Amino acid sequence: MRIEDRGVDEKSRIELMMTSDFARSALFYAPRSGRFICNSDYRVERDYLDMFLLMYICHGSLRVTTRGKQYVACEDQVVLLDCHHPHRYESIDSVDFIWFHYLGSASEQYGEYLYAQGGVVFSGAHVPALREYFQMILNSAQLLFPNEHLVSVSIHTILSRLATEGGDHIALGDLLMPSID
């Protein structure tokens, strides 16, 4: 889909994903996603959008303003915006980022919880591993019949890893009880 926003390179892309009634009622879902490569002219300012936004910064930096505070997000950081609040984000020099709008399930609760925990920009050793989930969501949007359950799990994984201190992985085997012989 052609992007009309000022400052967005022609190599950028935006994808729309159709979602089922079940996904809208029971899962996290991502109706829009994309990868934007932008110059210093890029800027988005909204008073309200009935969605949440997650962005993974691949290169460059983005200035984000919401809830009366300003943040800077750089390479290998994640931005979480509750678009129900007025917000603005803009490229500082240039920026390359993967993004998706999402809704569903516990979006509002996770959004408020994460905002209270760390604000809007998330960083740490665990964050670069989240890029593959952003990419999976973007790739799924290109499919005629995306796996909505996998998209939901990917969104939940991103949110849960942002919510857990340090985002450490716990192997499933560590949680299973040993069998009694």
C-alpha atoms as a PDB file:
ATOM      1  CA  MET A   1       0.000   0.000   0.000  1.00  0.00           C
ATOM      2  CA  ARG A   2       1.362   3.439  -0.938  1.00  0.00           C
ATOM      3  CA  ILE A   3       2.141   5.679   2.028  1.00  0.00           C
ATOM      4  CA  GLU A   4       1.309   9.375   1.780  1.00  0.00           C
ATOM      5  CA  ASP A   5       2.851  10.553   5.084  1.00  0.00           C
ATOM      6  CA  ARG A   6       5.527  13.213   4.728  1.00  0.00           C
ATOM      7  CA  GLY A   7       9.078  11.990   5.360  1.00  0.00           C
ATOM      8  CA  VAL A   8       8.360   8.288   4.660  1.00  0.00           C
ATOM      9  CA  ASP A   9      10.687   6.621   2.143  1.00  0.00           C
ATOM     10  CA  GLU A  10       9.115   4.824  -0.829  1.00  0.00           C
ATOM     11  CA  LYS A  11      10.694   1.537   0.346  1.00  0.00           C
ATOM     12  CA  SER A  12       8.438   1.651   3.422  1.00  0.00           C
ATOM     13  CA  ARG A  13       5.318  -0.456   3.579  1.00  0.00           C
ATOM     14  CA  ILE A  14       2.022  -0.717   5.387  1.00  0.00           C
ATOM     15  CA  GLU A  15      -0.102  -3.857   5.662  1.00  0.00           C
ATOM     16  CA  LEU A  16      -3.753  -4.284   6.602  1.00  0.00           C
ATOM     17  CA  MET A  17      -4.921  -7.508   8.240  1.00  0.00           C
ATOM     18  CA  MET A  18      -8.509  -8.676   8.193  1.00  0.00           C
ATOM     19  CA  THR A  19      -9.577 -10.157  11.522  1.00  0.00           C
ATOM     20  CA  SER A  20     -12.351 -12.572  12.344  1.00  0.00           C
ATOM     21  CA  ASP A  21     -15.132 -11.923  14.833  1.00  0.00           C
ATOM     22  CA  PHE A  22     -13.497 -14.475  17.126  1.00  0.00           C
ATOM     23  CA  ALA A  23     -10.159 -12.644  17.057  1.00  0.00           C
ATOM     24  CA  ARG A  24     -11.832  -9.313  17.778  1.00  0.00           C
ATOM     25  CA  SER A  25     -13.705 -10.781  20.738  1.00  0.00           C
ATOM     26  CA  ALA A  26     -11.111 -13.110  22.296  1.00  0.00           C
ATOM     27  CA  LEU A  27      -7.575 -12.419  21.045  1.00  0.00           C
ATOM     28  CA  PHE A  28      -5.031  -9.671  20.607  1.00  0.00           C
ATOM     29  CA  TYR A  29      -5.075  -8.625  16.950  1.00  0.00           C
ATOM     30  CA  ALA A  30      -3.159  -6.230  14.713  1.00  0.00           C
ATOM     31  CA  PRO A  31      -5.325  -4.607  12.045  1.00  0.00           C
ATOM     32  CA  ARG A  32      -2.435  -2.471  10.705  1.00  0.00           C
ATOM     33  CA  SER A  33       1.300  -2.985  10.618  1.00  0.00           C
ATOM     34  CA  GLY A  34       4.272  -1.760   8.678  1.00  0.00           C
ATOM     35  CA  ARG A  35       7.925  -0.967   8.359  1.00  0.00           C
ATOM     36  CA  PHE A  36       8.759   2.683   7.906  1.00  0.00           C
ATOM     37  CA  ILE A  37      12.047   4.198   6.840  1.00  0.00           C
ATOM     38  CA  CYS A  38      11.799   7.926   7.468  1.00  0.00           C
ATOM     39  CA  ASN A  39      13.819  11.117   7.180  1.00  0.00           C
ATOM     40  CA  SER A  40      13.716  14.132   9.491  1.00  0.00           C
ATOM     41  CA  ASP A  41      10.413  15.346   7.953  1.00  0.00           C
ATOM     42  CA  TYR A  42       8.458  12.416   9.449  1.00  0.00           C
ATOM     43  CA  ARG A  43       5.941  13.394  12.120  1.00  0.00           C
ATOM     44  CA  VAL A  44       2.610  11.993  13.333  1.00  0.00           C
ATOM     45  CA  GLU A  45       0.365  13.892  15.727  1.00  0.00           C
ATOM     46  CA  ARG A  46      -3.028  12.657  16.903  1.00  0.00           C
ATOM     47  CA  ASP A  47      -5.516  13.570  19.581  1.00  0.00           C
ATOM     48  CA  TYR A  48      -7.082  10.123  19.604  1.00  0.00           C
ATOM     49  CA  LEU A  49      -7.023   6.771  17.859  1.00  0.00           C
ATOM     50  CA  ASP A  50      -8.958   3.788  19.227  1.00  0.00           C
ATOM     51  CA  MET A  51      -5.899   1.502  19.247  1.00  0.00           C
ATOM     52  CA  PHE A  52      -2.555   0.863  20.875  1.00  0.00           C
ATOM     53  CA  LEU A  53       0.736   1.130  19.007  1.00  0.00           C
ATOM     54  CA  LEU A  54       3.945  -0.859  19.410  1.00  0.00           C
ATOM     55  CA  MET A  55       7.110   0.162  17.547  1.00  0.00           C
ATOM     56  CA  TYR A  56      10.486  -1.566  17.381  1.00  0.00           C
ATOM     57  CA  ILE A  57      13.286   0.855  16.459  1.00  0.00           C
ATOM     58  CA  CYS A  58      15.664  -0.878  14.018  1.00  0.00           C
ATOM     59  CA  HIS A  59      17.917   2.154  13.356  1.00  0.00           C
ATOM     60  CA  GLY A  60      17.910   5.834  14.176  1.00  0.00           C
ATOM     61  CA  SER A  61      15.761   7.553  16.759  1.00  0.00           C
ATOM     62  CA  LEU A  62      12.232   8.774  17.360  1.00  0.00           C
ATOM     63  CA  ARG A  63      11.035  11.540  19.673  1.00  0.00           C
ATOM     64  CA  VAL A  64       7.748  10.592  21.374  1.00  0.00           C
ATOM     65  CA  THR A  65       5.444  12.915  23.321  1.00  0.00           C
ATOM     66  CA  THR A  66       2.440  11.670  25.293  1.00  0.00           C
ATOM     67  CA  ARG A  67       0.760  12.311  28.639  1.00  0.00           C
ATOM     68  CA  GLY A  68       2.748  15.518  29.089  1.00  0.00           C
ATOM     69  CA  LYS A  69       6.165  13.841  28.825  1.00  0.00           C
ATOM     70  CA  GLN A  70       8.744  13.550  26.072  1.00  0.00           C
ATOM     71  CA  TYR A  71      10.849  10.453  25.384  1.00  0.00           C
ATOM     72  CA  VAL A  72      13.536   9.457  22.894  1.00  0.00           C
ATOM     73  CA  ALA A  73      13.576   5.916  21.508  1.00  0.00           C
ATOM     74  CA  CYS A  74      16.714   4.605  19.818  1.00  0.00           C
ATOM     75  CA  GLU A  75      17.923   1.447  18.105  1.00  0.00           C
ATOM     76  CA  ASP A  76      16.798  -1.817  19.760  1.00  0.00           C
ATOM     77  CA  GLN A  77      14.184  -0.111  21.909  1.00  0.00           C
ATOM     78  CA  VAL A  78      10.409  -0.595  21.909  1.00  0.00           C
ATOM     79  CA  VAL A  79       7.811   2.157  22.116  1.00  0.00           C
ATOM     80  CA  LEU A  80       4.327   1.457  23.480  1.00  0.00           C
ATOM     81  CA  LEU A  81       1.687   4.136  22.943  1.00  0.00           C
ATOM     82  CA  ASP A  82      -1.868   4.185  24.172  1.00  0.00           C
ATOM     83  CA  CYS A  83      -3.316   6.131  21.255  1.00  0.00           C
ATOM     84  CA  HIS A  84      -6.426   6.959  23.280  1.00  0.00           C
ATOM     85  CA  HIS A  85      -4.290   9.792  24.730  1.00  0.00           C
ATOM     86  CA  PRO A  86      -3.002  12.699  22.617  1.00  0.00           C
ATOM     87  CA  HIS A  87       0.412  11.790  21.236  1.00  0.00           C
ATOM     88  CA  ARG A  88       3.094  12.823  18.789  1.00  0.00           C
ATOM     89  CA  TYR A  89       6.097  11.006  17.414  1.00  0.00           C
ATOM     90  CA  GLU A  90       8.702  12.254  15.001  1.00  0.00           C
ATOM     91  CA  SER A  91      12.016  11.306  13.491  1.00  0.00           C
ATOM     92  CA  ILE A  92      14.981  13.089  15.040  1.00  0.00           C
ATOM     93  CA  ASP A  93      17.290  12.647  12.022  1.00  0.00           C
ATOM     94  CA  SER A  94      16.231   9.430  10.384  1.00  0.00           C
ATOM     95  CA  VAL A  95      14.522   6.331  11.698  1.00  0.00           C
ATOM     96  CA  ASP A  96      13.699   2.792  10.549  1.00  0.00           C
ATOM     97  CA  PHE A  97      11.065   0.982  12.599  1.00  0.00           C
ATOM     98  CA  ILE A  98       8.622  -1.925  12.508  1.00  0.00           C
ATOM     99  CA  TRP A  99       5.223  -1.096  13.966  1.00  0.00           C
ATOM    100  CA  PHE A 100       1.720  -2.390  14.477  1.00  0.00           C
ATOM    101  CA  HIS A 101      -1.510  -1.080  15.903  1.00  0.00           C
ATOM    102  CA  TYR A 102      -3.256  -3.603  18.113  1.00  0.00           C
ATOM    103  CA  LEU A 103      -6.437  -4.164  20.060  1.00  0.00           C
ATOM    104  CA  GLY A 104      -8.249  -6.916  21.869  1.00  0.00           C
ATOM    105  CA  SER A 105      -7.955  -9.107  24.882  1.00  0.00           C
ATOM    106  CA  ALA A 106      -6.258  -7.182  27.711  1.00  0.00           C
ATOM    107  CA  SER A 107      -4.847  -4.299  25.640  1.00  0.00           C
ATOM    108  CA  GLU A 108      -6.023  -1.510  27.937  1.00  0.00           C
ATOM    109  CA  GLN A 109      -4.924  -3.314  31.106  1.00  0.00           C
ATOM    110  CA  TYR A 110      -1.473  -4.140  29.703  1.00  0.00           C
ATOM    111  CA  GLY A 111      -1.099  -0.598  28.400  1.00  0.00           C
ATOM    112  CA  GLU A 112      -1.784   0.959  31.793  1.00  0.00           C
ATOM    113  CA  TYR A 113       0.324  -1.617  33.628  1.00  0.00           C
ATOM    114  CA  LEU A 114       3.330  -1.114  31.349  1.00  0.00           C
ATOM    115  CA  TYR A 115       2.999   2.666  31.424  1.00  0.00           C
ATOM    116  CA  ALA A 116       3.062   2.553  35.229  1.00  0.00           C
ATOM    117  CA  GLN A 117       6.094   0.211  35.166  1.00  0.00           C
ATOM    118  CA  GLY A 118       8.317   1.958  32.658  1.00  0.00           C
ATOM    119  CA  GLY A 119       6.619   4.731  30.775  1.00  0.00           C
ATOM    120  CA  VAL A 120       6.631   4.533  27.013  1.00  0.00           C
ATOM    121  CA  VAL A 121      10.119   3.440  25.912  1.00  0.00           C
ATOM    122  CA  PHE A 122      11.469   0.010  26.849  1.00  0.00           C
ATOM    123  CA  SER A 123      15.075  -1.120  26.610  1.00  0.00           C
ATOM    124  CA  GLY A 124      17.327  -3.823  27.964  1.00  0.00           C
ATOM    125  CA  ALA A 125      19.109  -6.980  26.942  1.00  0.00           C
ATOM    126  CA  HIS A 126      15.767  -8.754  26.391  1.00  0.00           C
ATOM    127  CA  VAL A 127      14.392  -6.222  23.885  1.00  0.00           C
ATOM    128  CA  PRO A 128      16.371  -7.132  20.712  1.00  0.00           C
ATOM    129  CA  ALA A 129      14.872 -10.652  20.820  1.00  0.00           C
ATOM    130  CA  LEU A 130      11.411  -9.085  20.464  1.00  0.00           C
ATOM    131  CA  ARG A 131      12.190  -7.921  16.927  1.00  0.00           C
ATOM    132  CA  GLU A 132      11.369 -11.384  15.542  1.00  0.00           C
ATOM    133  CA  TYR A 133       7.824 -11.107  16.955  1.00  0.00           C
ATOM    134  CA  PHE A 134       7.340  -7.709  15.322  1.00  0.00           C
ATOM    135  CA  GLN A 135       8.591  -9.159  12.034  1.00  0.00           C
ATOM    136  CA  MET A 136       6.297 -12.191  12.363  1.00  0.00           C
ATOM    137  CA  ILE A 137       3.264  -9.934  12.811  1.00  0.00           C
ATOM    138  CA  LEU A 138       4.279  -7.864   9.781  1.00  0.00           C
ATOM    139  CA  ASN A 139       4.847 -11.002   7.680  1.00  0.00           C
ATOM    140  CA  SER A 140       1.518 -12.488   8.784  1.00  0.00           C
ATOM    141  CA  ALA A 141      -0.319  -9.431   7.492  1.00  0.00           C
ATOM    142  CA  GLN A 142       0.867 -10.294   3.976  1.00  0.00           C
ATOM    143  CA  LEU A 143      -0.833 -13.693   4.035  1.00  0.00           C
ATOM    144  CA  LEU A 144      -4.287 -14.234   2.589  1.00  0.00           C
ATOM    145  CA  PHE A 145      -5.291 -16.168   5.734  1.00  0.00           C
ATOM    146  CA  PRO A 146      -3.000 -15.137   8.608  1.00  0.00           C
ATOM    147  CA  ASN A 147      -2.853 -17.321  11.692  1.00  0.00           C
ATOM    148  CA  GLU A 148      -4.705 -15.060  14.148  1.00  0.00           C
ATOM    149  CA  HIS A 149      -3.739 -17.225  17.107  1.00  0.00           C
ATOM    150  CA  LEU A 150      -0.035 -16.900  16.278  1.00  0.00           C
ATOM    151  CA  VAL A 151      -0.418 -13.130  15.885  1.00  0.00           C
ATOM    152  CA  SER A 152      -2.165 -12.953  19.274  1.00  0.00           C
ATOM    153  CA  VAL A 153       0.535 -15.054  20.937  1.00  0.00           C
ATOM    154  CA  SER A 154       3.220 -12.815  19.404  1.00  0.00           C
ATOM    155  CA  ILE A 155       1.561  -9.657  20.716  1.00  0.00           C
ATOM    156  CA  HIS A 156       1.096 -11.269  24.132  1.00  0.00           C
ATOM    157  CA  THR A 157       4.742 -12.383  24.136  1.00  0.00           C
ATOM    158  CA  ILE A 158       5.939  -8.852  23.421  1.00  0.00           C
ATOM    159  CA  LEU A 159       3.740  -7.388  26.150  1.00  0.00           C
ATOM    160  CA  SER A 160       4.607 -10.051  28.707  1.00  0.00           C
ATOM    161  CA  ARG A 161       8.354  -9.714  28.084  1.00  0.00           C
ATOM    162  CA  LEU A 162       8.098  -5.960  28.468  1.00  0.00           C
ATOM    163  CA  ALA A 163       6.176  -6.519  31.712  1.00  0.00           C
ATOM    164  CA  THR A 164       8.605  -8.949  33.308  1.00  0.00           C
ATOM    165  CA  GLU A 165      11.624  -7.386  34.903  1.00  0.00           C
ATOM    166  CA  GLY A 166      14.554  -8.040  32.618  1.00  0.00           C
ATOM    167  CA  GLY A 167      12.349 -10.050  30.278  1.00  0.00           C
ATOM    168  CA  ASP A 168      14.169 -13.261  31.217  1.00  0.00           C
ATOM    169  CA  HIS A 169      12.965 -16.371  29.458  1.00  0.00           C
ATOM    170  CA  ILE A 170      11.736 -19.244  31.586  1.00  0.00           C
ATOM    171  CA  ALA A 171      11.891 -22.563  29.824  1.00  0.00           C
ATOM    172  CA  LEU A 172       8.713 -24.608  29.947  1.00  0.00           C
ATOM    173  CA  GLY A 173      10.732 -27.500  31.337  1.00  0.00           C
ATOM    174  CA  ASP A 174      11.631 -25.358  34.362  1.00  0.00           C
ATOM    175  CA  LEU A 175       7.939 -25.060  35.198  1.00  0.00           C
ATOM    176  CA  LEU A 176       6.995 -28.715  34.909  1.00  0.00           C
ATOM    177  CA  MET A 177       6.899 -30.914  37.958  1.00  0.00           C
ATOM    178  CA  PRO A 178       9.196 -33.928  37.878  1.00  0.00           C
ATOM    179  CA  SER A 179       7.359 -37.184  37.545  1.00  0.00           C
ATOM    180  CA  ILE A 180       7.155 -39.499  40.529  1.00  0.00           C
ATOM    181  CA  ASP A 181       8.167 -43.022  39.628  1.00  0.00           C
END
